[in-house]
């Protein structure tokens, strides 16, 4: 479907006109619900990636940077994040074809520091100082990745000689007290 959308000149995110995209979000959300005690809801923040050979994913960033204090972003009882990004590989996303990269929280001096805080390190400082801890997250088609809104992550560049586009479907889950859903559905 992503290829057909591109062929007719529409952005990959128009994948949302198909029921299967919404069913995929529901299935993955339901699967993750027990891990997060059912308190995270799909907030309808969705993006579809279609990275061509020689293209790149988004640069290093944190999702919802600046969205309140770091303490507000984690459950006071469990310590689990109040916001998760969920990333579903629609094609293989390997080290050789543009996979996700992440700096683990234990190696990220900015993970638990408010972005507006005076002592908050810049992303450049973090990556230069902690580059040996960066982890590639290669996945095959159909596999799911998920990370906290505080995780520093990015999609790598796809080599020009790569023979396929990297396609992925991303959406967010959040506690309603952190960020309410953009669309409200009744069952």
N, C-alpha and C. Protein backbone atom coordinates (compact mmCIF):
# COMPACT_ATOMS: atom_id res chain seq x y z
N UNK A 1 0.83 -1.20 0.00
CA UNK A 1 0.00 0.00 0.00
C UNK A 1 0.87 1.26 0.00
N UNK A 2 1.98 1.25 0.75
CA UNK A 2 2.87 2.41 0.78
C UNK A 2 3.43 2.68 -0.62
N UNK A 3 3.79 1.63 -1.34
CA UNK A 3 4.30 1.79 -2.70
C UNK A 3 3.22 2.38 -3.62
N UNK A 4 2.00 1.91 -3.49
CA UNK A 4 0.90 2.42 -4.33
C UNK A 4 0.63 3.89 -4.02
N UNK A 5 0.65 4.25 -2.75
CA UNK A 5 0.44 5.64 -2.37
C UNK A 5 1.52 6.54 -2.99
N UNK A 6 2.79 6.10 -2.89
CA UNK A 6 3.88 6.87 -3.48
C UNK A 6 3.69 6.98 -4.99
N UNK A 7 3.26 5.89 -5.62
CA UNK A 7 3.07 5.86 -7.08
C UNK A 7 2.04 6.89 -7.54
N UNK A 8 1.01 7.14 -6.72
CA UNK A 8 -0.01 8.12 -7.11
C UNK A 8 0.27 9.50 -6.50
N UNK A 9 1.42 9.68 -5.86
CA UNK A 9 1.82 10.98 -5.37
C UNK A 9 1.30 11.36 -4.00
N UNK A 10 0.87 10.37 -3.21
CA UNK A 10 0.37 10.65 -1.87
C UNK A 10 1.40 10.26 -0.82
N UNK A 11 1.43 10.97 0.31
CA UNK A 11 2.37 10.62 1.37
C UNK A 11 2.06 9.26 1.98
N UNK A 12 3.09 8.61 2.50
CA UNK A 12 2.92 7.28 3.09
C UNK A 12 1.94 7.27 4.25
N UNK A 13 1.80 8.38 4.95
CA UNK A 13 0.90 8.43 6.10
C UNK A 13 -0.57 8.30 5.68
N UNK A 14 -0.86 8.42 4.40
CA UNK A 14 -2.22 8.15 3.92
C UNK A 14 -2.58 6.67 4.09
N UNK A 15 -1.63 5.89 4.55
CA UNK A 15 -1.91 4.50 4.90
C UNK A 15 -3.07 4.43 5.89
N UNK A 16 -3.30 5.52 6.61
CA UNK A 16 -4.37 5.57 7.61
C UNK A 16 -5.77 5.51 7.01
N UNK A 17 -5.90 5.60 5.70
CA UNK A 17 -7.23 5.45 5.10
C UNK A 17 -7.64 3.98 5.05
N UNK A 18 -6.72 3.08 5.33
CA UNK A 18 -7.01 1.66 5.31
C UNK A 18 -7.30 1.13 6.71
N UNK A 19 -8.31 0.30 6.83
CA UNK A 19 -8.67 -0.30 8.12
C UNK A 19 -7.51 -1.06 8.74
N UNK A 20 -6.69 -1.68 7.92
CA UNK A 20 -5.61 -2.51 8.44
C UNK A 20 -4.64 -1.72 9.32
N UNK A 21 -4.42 -0.45 9.01
CA UNK A 21 -3.53 0.37 9.82
C UNK A 21 -4.10 0.53 11.24
N UNK A 22 -5.39 0.78 11.33
CA UNK A 22 -6.04 0.95 12.63
C UNK A 22 -6.10 -0.38 13.38
N UNK A 23 -6.32 -1.46 12.66
CA UNK A 23 -6.33 -2.79 13.28
C UNK A 23 -4.94 -3.13 13.82
N UNK A 24 -3.91 -2.77 13.09
CA UNK A 24 -2.54 -3.01 13.54
C UNK A 24 -2.27 -2.25 14.84
N UNK A 25 -2.68 -0.98 14.89
CA UNK A 25 -2.49 -0.20 16.12
C UNK A 25 -3.22 -0.85 17.29
N UNK A 26 -4.44 -1.30 17.06
CA UNK A 26 -5.23 -1.91 18.14
C UNK A 26 -4.58 -3.20 18.62
N UNK A 27 -4.16 -4.04 17.69
CA UNK A 27 -3.54 -5.32 18.05
C UNK A 27 -2.28 -5.12 18.87
N UNK A 28 -1.41 -4.24 18.41
CA UNK A 28 -0.16 -3.99 19.13
C UNK A 28 -0.45 -3.33 20.48
N UNK A 29 -1.37 -2.37 20.51
CA UNK A 29 -1.74 -1.71 21.77
C UNK A 29 -2.27 -2.71 22.78
N UNK A 30 -3.15 -3.60 22.31
CA UNK A 30 -3.71 -4.62 23.21
C UNK A 30 -2.63 -5.57 23.72
N UNK A 31 -1.66 -5.88 22.88
CA UNK A 31 -0.57 -6.76 23.27
C UNK A 31 0.31 -6.11 24.34
N UNK A 32 0.53 -4.82 24.21
CA UNK A 32 1.38 -4.10 25.17
C UNK A 32 0.64 -3.71 26.45
N UNK A 33 -0.68 -3.74 26.43
CA UNK A 33 -1.48 -3.27 27.57
C UNK A 33 -1.11 -3.93 28.90
N UNK A 34 -0.96 -5.26 28.97
CA UNK A 34 -0.63 -5.86 30.28
C UNK A 34 0.71 -5.39 30.85
N UNK A 35 1.66 -5.13 29.98
CA UNK A 35 2.98 -4.68 30.44
C UNK A 35 2.87 -3.33 31.14
N UNK A 36 1.96 -2.51 30.65
CA UNK A 36 1.80 -1.16 31.19
C UNK A 36 0.50 -1.01 31.97
N UNK A 37 0.03 -2.14 32.50
CA UNK A 37 -1.14 -2.18 33.37
C UNK A 37 -2.37 -1.54 32.75
N UNK A 38 -2.46 -1.54 31.42
CA UNK A 38 -3.63 -1.03 30.72
C UNK A 38 -3.85 0.46 30.85
N UNK A 39 -2.86 1.21 31.34
CA UNK A 39 -3.07 2.63 31.56
C UNK A 39 -2.68 3.51 30.38
N UNK A 40 -2.06 2.95 29.35
CA UNK A 40 -1.68 3.73 28.18
C UNK A 40 -2.69 3.53 27.06
N UNK A 41 -3.07 4.63 26.42
CA UNK A 41 -4.04 4.59 25.33
C UNK A 41 -3.37 5.04 24.04
N UNK A 42 -3.88 4.53 22.93
CA UNK A 42 -3.43 4.99 21.63
C UNK A 42 -3.89 6.45 21.50
N UNK A 43 -2.96 7.37 21.29
CA UNK A 43 -3.33 8.78 21.23
C UNK A 43 -3.46 9.29 19.79
N UNK A 44 -3.40 8.38 18.82
CA UNK A 44 -3.58 8.71 17.41
C UNK A 44 -2.51 9.66 16.87
N UNK A 45 -1.32 9.52 17.39
CA UNK A 45 -0.15 10.24 16.88
C UNK A 45 0.59 9.21 16.03
N UNK A 46 0.44 9.32 14.71
CA UNK A 46 0.88 8.26 13.81
C UNK A 46 1.78 8.84 12.72
N UNK A 47 2.78 8.06 12.32
CA UNK A 47 3.60 8.43 11.18
C UNK A 47 4.00 7.16 10.44
N UNK A 48 4.09 7.24 9.13
CA UNK A 48 4.52 6.12 8.31
C UNK A 48 5.80 6.54 7.59
N UNK A 49 6.84 5.73 7.73
CA UNK A 49 8.14 6.02 7.13
C UNK A 49 8.29 5.25 5.83
N UNK A 50 8.89 5.90 4.85
CA UNK A 50 9.20 5.29 3.55
C UNK A 50 10.56 5.84 3.12
N UNK A 51 11.62 5.23 3.66
CA UNK A 51 12.98 5.74 3.46
C UNK A 51 13.61 5.09 2.23
N UNK A 52 13.90 5.89 1.20
CA UNK A 52 14.50 5.33 -0.02
C UNK A 52 15.99 5.07 0.15
N UNK A 53 16.57 4.27 -0.73
CA UNK A 53 18.02 4.12 -0.71
C UNK A 53 18.67 5.51 -0.81
N UNK A 54 19.65 5.76 0.06
CA UNK A 54 20.30 7.06 0.10
C UNK A 54 19.57 8.05 0.99
N UNK A 55 18.38 7.71 1.46
CA UNK A 55 17.60 8.59 2.32
C UNK A 55 17.91 8.35 3.79
N UNK A 56 17.29 9.15 4.63
CA UNK A 56 17.50 9.01 6.07
C UNK A 56 16.17 9.02 6.81
N UNK A 57 16.22 8.45 7.98
CA UNK A 57 15.11 8.59 8.90
C UNK A 57 15.27 9.93 9.61
N UNK A 58 14.50 10.16 10.66
CA UNK A 58 14.64 11.40 11.42
C UNK A 58 15.95 11.39 12.18
N UNK A 59 16.53 12.56 12.39
CA UNK A 59 17.76 12.69 13.16
C UNK A 59 17.51 12.41 14.63
N UNK A 60 18.57 12.43 15.42
CA UNK A 60 18.49 12.13 16.84
C UNK A 60 17.52 13.08 17.55
N UNK A 61 16.63 12.50 18.33
CA UNK A 61 15.63 13.30 19.04
C UNK A 61 15.01 12.49 20.17
N UNK A 62 14.28 13.19 21.02
CA UNK A 62 13.44 12.58 22.05
C UNK A 62 12.00 12.91 21.66
N UNK A 63 11.11 11.95 21.81
CA UNK A 63 9.70 12.23 21.56
C UNK A 63 9.15 13.01 22.75
N UNK A 64 8.40 14.02 22.48
CA UNK A 64 7.77 14.87 23.50
C UNK A 64 8.80 15.56 24.39
N UNK A 65 9.92 15.92 23.80
CA UNK A 65 10.91 16.70 24.55
C UNK A 65 10.25 17.99 25.01
N UNK A 66 10.50 18.37 26.23
CA UNK A 66 9.93 19.59 26.77
C UNK A 66 8.49 19.47 27.23
N UNK A 67 7.94 18.26 27.23
CA UNK A 67 6.55 18.06 27.65
C UNK A 67 6.48 17.88 29.16
N UNK A 68 6.66 18.94 29.89
CA UNK A 68 6.60 18.86 31.34
C UNK A 68 7.90 18.34 31.92
N UNK A 69 7.88 18.11 33.20
CA UNK A 69 9.08 17.64 33.87
C UNK A 69 9.29 16.15 33.59
N UNK A 70 10.52 15.71 33.75
CA UNK A 70 10.83 14.30 33.57
C UNK A 70 10.00 13.46 34.53
N UNK A 71 9.85 13.93 35.76
CA UNK A 71 9.08 13.19 36.76
C UNK A 71 7.63 12.97 36.32
N UNK A 72 7.04 13.93 35.61
CA UNK A 72 5.67 13.78 35.14
C UNK A 72 5.55 12.71 34.05
N UNK A 73 6.64 12.37 33.42
CA UNK A 73 6.62 11.42 32.31
C UNK A 73 6.72 9.97 32.72
N UNK A 74 6.77 9.70 34.04
CA UNK A 74 6.90 8.34 34.52
C UNK A 74 5.92 8.11 35.67
N UNK A 75 5.36 6.91 35.74
CA UNK A 75 4.43 6.57 36.81
C UNK A 75 5.14 6.65 38.15
N UNK A 76 4.51 7.30 39.10
CA UNK A 76 5.09 7.43 40.43
C UNK A 76 5.08 6.10 41.19
N UNK A 77 4.22 5.17 40.80
CA UNK A 77 4.15 3.89 41.50
C UNK A 77 5.00 2.80 40.86
N UNK A 78 5.05 2.77 39.51
CA UNK A 78 5.79 1.70 38.84
C UNK A 78 7.10 2.15 38.21
N UNK A 79 7.22 3.45 37.96
CA UNK A 79 8.41 3.96 37.28
C UNK A 79 8.35 3.78 35.76
N UNK A 80 7.27 3.19 35.26
CA UNK A 80 7.13 2.98 33.81
C UNK A 80 6.81 4.30 33.12
N UNK A 81 7.21 4.43 31.84
CA UNK A 81 6.94 5.68 31.12
C UNK A 81 5.44 5.90 30.90
N UNK A 82 5.06 7.17 30.90
CA UNK A 82 3.69 7.58 30.65
C UNK A 82 3.44 7.78 29.15
N UNK A 83 4.50 7.64 28.35
CA UNK A 83 4.41 7.81 26.89
C UNK A 83 5.36 6.81 26.25
N UNK A 84 4.86 6.09 25.28
CA UNK A 84 5.67 5.13 24.52
C UNK A 84 5.53 5.38 23.04
N UNK A 85 6.62 5.28 22.34
CA UNK A 85 6.58 5.24 20.89
C UNK A 85 6.63 3.77 20.50
N UNK A 86 5.76 3.38 19.58
CA UNK A 86 5.72 2.01 19.08
C UNK A 86 6.07 2.08 17.60
N UNK A 87 7.01 1.26 17.16
CA UNK A 87 7.54 1.30 15.81
C UNK A 87 7.43 -0.11 15.22
N UNK A 88 6.65 -0.27 14.16
CA UNK A 88 6.40 -1.57 13.54
C UNK A 88 7.11 -1.60 12.19
N UNK A 89 7.98 -2.59 12.00
CA UNK A 89 8.70 -2.73 10.74
C UNK A 89 7.78 -3.32 9.67
N UNK A 90 7.49 -2.53 8.63
CA UNK A 90 6.69 -3.03 7.51
C UNK A 90 7.58 -3.76 6.50
N UNK A 91 8.87 -3.49 6.57
CA UNK A 91 9.89 -4.20 5.78
C UNK A 91 11.05 -4.47 6.73
N UNK A 92 12.00 -5.26 6.31
CA UNK A 92 13.20 -5.44 7.13
C UNK A 92 13.86 -4.08 7.32
N UNK A 93 14.34 -3.83 8.51
CA UNK A 93 15.08 -2.60 8.83
C UNK A 93 16.38 -3.06 9.49
N UNK A 94 17.35 -3.34 8.66
CA UNK A 94 18.60 -3.93 9.11
C UNK A 94 19.71 -2.89 9.15
N UNK A 95 20.83 -3.25 9.74
CA UNK A 95 21.98 -2.33 9.76
C UNK A 95 22.40 -1.96 8.34
N UNK A 96 22.17 -2.85 7.42
CA UNK A 96 22.55 -2.61 6.02
C UNK A 96 21.49 -1.85 5.24
N UNK A 97 20.34 -1.55 5.87
CA UNK A 97 19.27 -0.91 5.10
C UNK A 97 18.52 0.19 5.85
N UNK A 98 19.05 0.72 6.91
CA UNK A 98 18.44 1.81 7.68
C UNK A 98 17.59 1.28 8.81
N UNK A 99 18.23 1.04 9.94
CA UNK A 99 17.49 0.60 11.12
C UNK A 99 17.48 1.73 12.15
N UNK A 100 16.73 1.51 13.20
CA UNK A 100 16.69 2.46 14.30
C UNK A 100 17.97 2.33 15.13
N UNK A 101 18.34 3.42 15.76
CA UNK A 101 19.46 3.44 16.70
C UNK A 101 18.98 4.14 17.96
N UNK A 102 19.55 3.74 19.09
CA UNK A 102 19.12 4.29 20.37
C UNK A 102 20.32 4.38 21.31
N UNK A 103 20.27 5.36 22.18
CA UNK A 103 21.25 5.44 23.26
C UNK A 103 20.53 4.95 24.51
N UNK A 104 20.97 3.82 25.08
CA UNK A 104 20.29 3.30 26.28
C UNK A 104 20.25 4.32 27.41
N UNK A 105 19.19 4.27 28.19
CA UNK A 105 18.99 5.23 29.28
C UNK A 105 20.18 5.26 30.23
N UNK A 106 20.78 4.11 30.52
CA UNK A 106 21.89 4.08 31.48
C UNK A 106 23.10 4.86 30.99
N UNK A 107 23.21 5.07 29.68
CA UNK A 107 24.35 5.78 29.12
C UNK A 107 24.00 7.21 28.69
N UNK A 108 22.77 7.62 28.95
CA UNK A 108 22.28 8.92 28.49
C UNK A 108 22.19 9.90 29.67
N UNK A 109 23.14 10.82 29.79
CA UNK A 109 23.11 11.75 30.92
C UNK A 109 21.92 12.73 30.85
N UNK A 110 21.22 12.80 29.73
CA UNK A 110 20.06 13.68 29.60
C UNK A 110 18.74 12.97 29.77
N UNK A 111 18.76 11.65 29.95
CA UNK A 111 17.51 10.89 30.02
C UNK A 111 16.61 11.36 31.16
N UNK A 112 17.18 11.61 32.31
CA UNK A 112 16.39 11.96 33.49
C UNK A 112 16.53 13.43 33.88
N UNK A 113 16.96 14.27 32.92
CA UNK A 113 17.12 15.69 33.19
C UNK A 113 16.10 16.46 32.35
N UNK A 114 15.35 17.35 32.99
CA UNK A 114 14.40 18.17 32.25
C UNK A 114 15.11 18.91 31.12
N UNK A 115 14.50 18.94 29.94
CA UNK A 115 15.12 19.55 28.77
C UNK A 115 15.43 21.04 28.97
N UNK A 116 14.62 21.70 29.76
CA UNK A 116 14.81 23.13 29.98
C UNK A 116 15.79 23.42 31.13
N UNK A 117 16.21 22.39 31.83
CA UNK A 117 17.09 22.58 32.98
C UNK A 117 18.44 23.13 32.54
N UNK A 118 19.02 23.95 33.38
CA UNK A 118 20.29 24.58 33.05
C UNK A 118 21.39 23.55 32.83
N UNK A 119 21.34 22.44 33.57
CA UNK A 119 22.39 21.42 33.45
C UNK A 119 22.12 20.38 32.36
N UNK A 120 21.04 20.58 31.59
CA UNK A 120 20.71 19.61 30.54
C UNK A 120 21.78 19.64 29.45
N UNK A 121 22.40 18.49 29.18
CA UNK A 121 23.42 18.45 28.12
C UNK A 121 22.74 18.51 26.75
N UNK A 122 23.45 19.03 25.75
CA UNK A 122 22.91 19.07 24.39
C UNK A 122 23.00 17.66 23.79
N UNK A 123 22.21 17.41 22.76
CA UNK A 123 22.25 16.10 22.11
C UNK A 123 23.64 15.82 21.55
N UNK A 124 24.27 16.86 20.99
CA UNK A 124 25.61 16.69 20.46
C UNK A 124 26.60 16.27 21.54
N UNK A 125 26.51 16.91 22.69
CA UNK A 125 27.40 16.55 23.81
C UNK A 125 27.15 15.11 24.25
N UNK A 126 25.89 14.73 24.30
CA UNK A 126 25.55 13.37 24.72
C UNK A 126 26.10 12.36 23.74
N UNK A 127 25.85 12.56 22.45
CA UNK A 127 26.29 11.58 21.45
C UNK A 127 27.80 11.48 21.35
N UNK A 128 28.48 12.62 21.43
CA UNK A 128 29.95 12.59 21.38
C UNK A 128 30.50 11.86 22.60
N UNK A 129 29.95 12.15 23.77
CA UNK A 129 30.46 11.56 25.00
C UNK A 129 30.08 10.10 25.20
N UNK A 130 28.99 9.67 24.58
CA UNK A 130 28.48 8.32 24.84
C UNK A 130 28.37 7.46 23.58
N UNK A 131 29.06 7.84 22.52
CA UNK A 131 28.90 7.14 21.24
C UNK A 131 29.18 5.64 21.30
N UNK A 132 30.00 5.20 22.21
CA UNK A 132 30.31 3.77 22.28
C UNK A 132 29.16 2.95 22.85
N UNK A 133 28.15 3.61 23.42
CA UNK A 133 27.00 2.90 23.98
C UNK A 133 25.82 2.82 23.00
N UNK A 134 25.91 3.51 21.87
CA UNK A 134 24.82 3.52 20.89
C UNK A 134 24.55 2.09 20.43
N UNK A 135 23.28 1.75 20.32
CA UNK A 135 22.88 0.42 19.89
C UNK A 135 22.05 0.49 18.62
N UNK A 136 22.40 -0.32 17.64
CA UNK A 136 21.57 -0.49 16.45
C UNK A 136 20.44 -1.46 16.82
N UNK A 137 19.25 -1.21 16.28
CA UNK A 137 18.10 -2.06 16.57
C UNK A 137 17.57 -2.68 15.27
N UNK A 138 18.32 -3.61 14.67
CA UNK A 138 17.84 -4.22 13.44
C UNK A 138 16.63 -5.11 13.71
N UNK A 139 15.64 -5.06 12.83
CA UNK A 139 14.44 -5.88 12.96
C UNK A 139 14.03 -6.39 11.58
N UNK A 140 13.29 -7.47 11.60
CA UNK A 140 12.75 -7.99 10.34
C UNK A 140 11.28 -7.59 10.24
N UNK A 141 10.76 -7.70 9.06
CA UNK A 141 9.37 -7.32 8.78
C UNK A 141 8.43 -7.92 9.82
N UNK A 142 7.56 -7.07 10.38
CA UNK A 142 6.58 -7.53 11.34
C UNK A 142 7.01 -7.40 12.79
N UNK A 143 8.29 -7.18 13.04
CA UNK A 143 8.74 -7.03 14.43
C UNK A 143 8.43 -5.62 14.93
N UNK A 144 8.29 -5.52 16.25
CA UNK A 144 7.87 -4.27 16.89
C UNK A 144 8.94 -3.80 17.87
N UNK A 145 9.22 -2.52 17.84
CA UNK A 145 10.10 -1.88 18.82
C UNK A 145 9.27 -0.87 19.60
N UNK A 146 9.67 -0.60 20.83
CA UNK A 146 8.98 0.40 21.63
C UNK A 146 9.98 1.03 22.58
N UNK A 147 9.83 2.35 22.81
CA UNK A 147 10.72 3.03 23.71
C UNK A 147 10.02 4.21 24.38
N UNK A 148 10.61 4.65 25.46
CA UNK A 148 10.11 5.78 26.25
C UNK A 148 10.29 7.09 25.48
N UNK A 149 9.45 8.05 25.80
CA UNK A 149 9.55 9.39 25.21
C UNK A 149 10.88 10.06 25.55
N UNK A 150 11.58 9.61 26.55
CA UNK A 150 12.86 10.19 26.94
C UNK A 150 14.05 9.55 26.22
N UNK A 151 13.83 8.45 25.50
CA UNK A 151 14.92 7.76 24.83
C UNK A 151 15.43 8.56 23.63
N UNK A 152 16.72 8.74 23.57
CA UNK A 152 17.35 9.42 22.44
C UNK A 152 17.49 8.38 21.33
N UNK A 153 16.84 8.64 20.19
CA UNK A 153 16.80 7.65 19.11
C UNK A 153 16.76 8.34 17.75
N UNK A 154 17.03 7.55 16.68
CA UNK A 154 17.02 8.08 15.32
C UNK A 154 17.02 6.93 14.33
N UNK A 155 16.61 7.25 13.12
CA UNK A 155 16.68 6.29 12.01
C UNK A 155 17.95 6.56 11.23
N UNK A 156 18.71 5.51 10.97
CA UNK A 156 19.99 5.70 10.28
C UNK A 156 19.78 5.95 8.79
N UNK A 157 20.84 6.40 8.16
CA UNK A 157 20.81 6.62 6.71
C UNK A 157 20.79 5.27 6.00
N UNK A 158 20.07 5.23 4.92
CA UNK A 158 20.05 4.02 4.09
C UNK A 158 21.15 4.14 3.04
N UNK A 159 21.99 3.13 2.93
CA UNK A 159 23.06 3.21 1.93
C UNK A 159 22.48 3.39 0.51
N UNK A 160 23.17 4.16 -0.30
CA UNK A 160 22.73 4.40 -1.67
C UNK A 160 22.58 3.09 -2.43
N UNK A 161 23.43 2.12 -2.13
CA UNK A 161 23.40 0.84 -2.86
C UNK A 161 22.33 -0.12 -2.34
N UNK A 162 21.60 0.30 -1.33
CA UNK A 162 20.53 -0.54 -0.79
C UNK A 162 19.50 -0.81 -1.89
N UNK A 163 18.97 -2.02 -1.92
CA UNK A 163 18.04 -2.38 -3.00
C UNK A 163 16.57 -2.20 -2.64
N UNK A 164 16.29 -1.85 -1.41
CA UNK A 164 14.88 -1.73 -1.00
C UNK A 164 14.67 -0.50 -0.13
N UNK A 165 13.46 -0.02 -0.10
CA UNK A 165 13.08 1.08 0.77
C UNK A 165 12.79 0.52 2.16
N UNK A 166 13.06 1.33 3.20
CA UNK A 166 12.72 0.92 4.56
C UNK A 166 11.37 1.55 4.90
N UNK A 167 10.40 0.69 5.24
CA UNK A 167 9.06 1.18 5.56
C UNK A 167 8.72 0.76 6.98
N UNK A 168 8.14 1.71 7.71
CA UNK A 168 7.76 1.43 9.09
C UNK A 168 6.53 2.26 9.45
N UNK A 169 5.81 1.76 10.41
CA UNK A 169 4.58 2.38 10.91
C UNK A 169 4.82 2.70 12.37
N UNK A 170 4.64 3.95 12.75
CA UNK A 170 4.92 4.37 14.12
C UNK A 170 3.70 5.04 14.72
N UNK A 171 3.45 4.74 15.99
CA UNK A 171 2.36 5.41 16.69
C UNK A 171 2.73 5.51 18.17
N UNK A 172 1.93 6.28 18.91
CA UNK A 172 2.24 6.54 20.31
C UNK A 172 1.13 6.08 21.23
N UNK A 173 1.54 5.66 22.40
CA UNK A 173 0.62 5.33 23.49
C UNK A 173 0.97 6.24 24.66
N UNK A 174 -0.05 6.74 25.35
CA UNK A 174 0.22 7.63 26.48
C UNK A 174 -0.85 7.49 27.54
N UNK A 175 -0.45 7.79 28.76
CA UNK A 175 -1.42 7.89 29.85
C UNK A 175 -2.23 9.16 29.59
N UNK A 176 -3.55 9.11 29.77
CA UNK A 176 -4.38 10.30 29.51
C UNK A 176 -3.96 11.52 30.32
N UNK A 177 -3.35 11.31 31.47
CA UNK A 177 -2.89 12.45 32.28
C UNK A 177 -1.63 13.08 31.70
N UNK A 178 -0.89 12.33 30.87
CA UNK A 178 0.30 12.87 30.22
C UNK A 178 -0.07 13.57 28.92
N UNK A 179 -0.85 12.87 28.09
CA UNK A 179 -1.33 13.42 26.82
C UNK A 179 -2.60 12.71 26.41
N UNK A 180 -3.71 13.42 26.34
CA UNK A 180 -4.97 12.76 25.96
C UNK A 180 -4.98 12.41 24.48
N UNK A 181 -5.80 11.44 24.07
CA UNK A 181 -5.89 11.08 22.66
C UNK A 181 -6.36 12.25 21.80
N UNK A 182 -5.82 12.35 20.59
CA UNK A 182 -6.22 13.40 19.66
C UNK A 182 -7.65 13.16 19.15
N UNK A 183 -8.01 11.89 19.02
CA UNK A 183 -9.35 11.49 18.58
C UNK A 183 -9.94 10.61 19.67
N UNK A 184 -11.20 10.78 19.92
CA UNK A 184 -11.86 9.94 20.93
C UNK A 184 -12.84 9.03 20.23
N UNK A 185 -12.73 7.76 20.50
CA UNK A 185 -13.62 6.77 19.91
C UNK A 185 -14.47 6.14 21.00
N UNK A 186 -15.74 5.93 20.71
CA UNK A 186 -16.55 5.17 21.66
C UNK A 186 -16.57 3.73 21.17
N UNK A 187 -16.62 2.81 22.09
CA UNK A 187 -16.65 1.41 21.71
C UNK A 187 -18.06 1.07 21.30
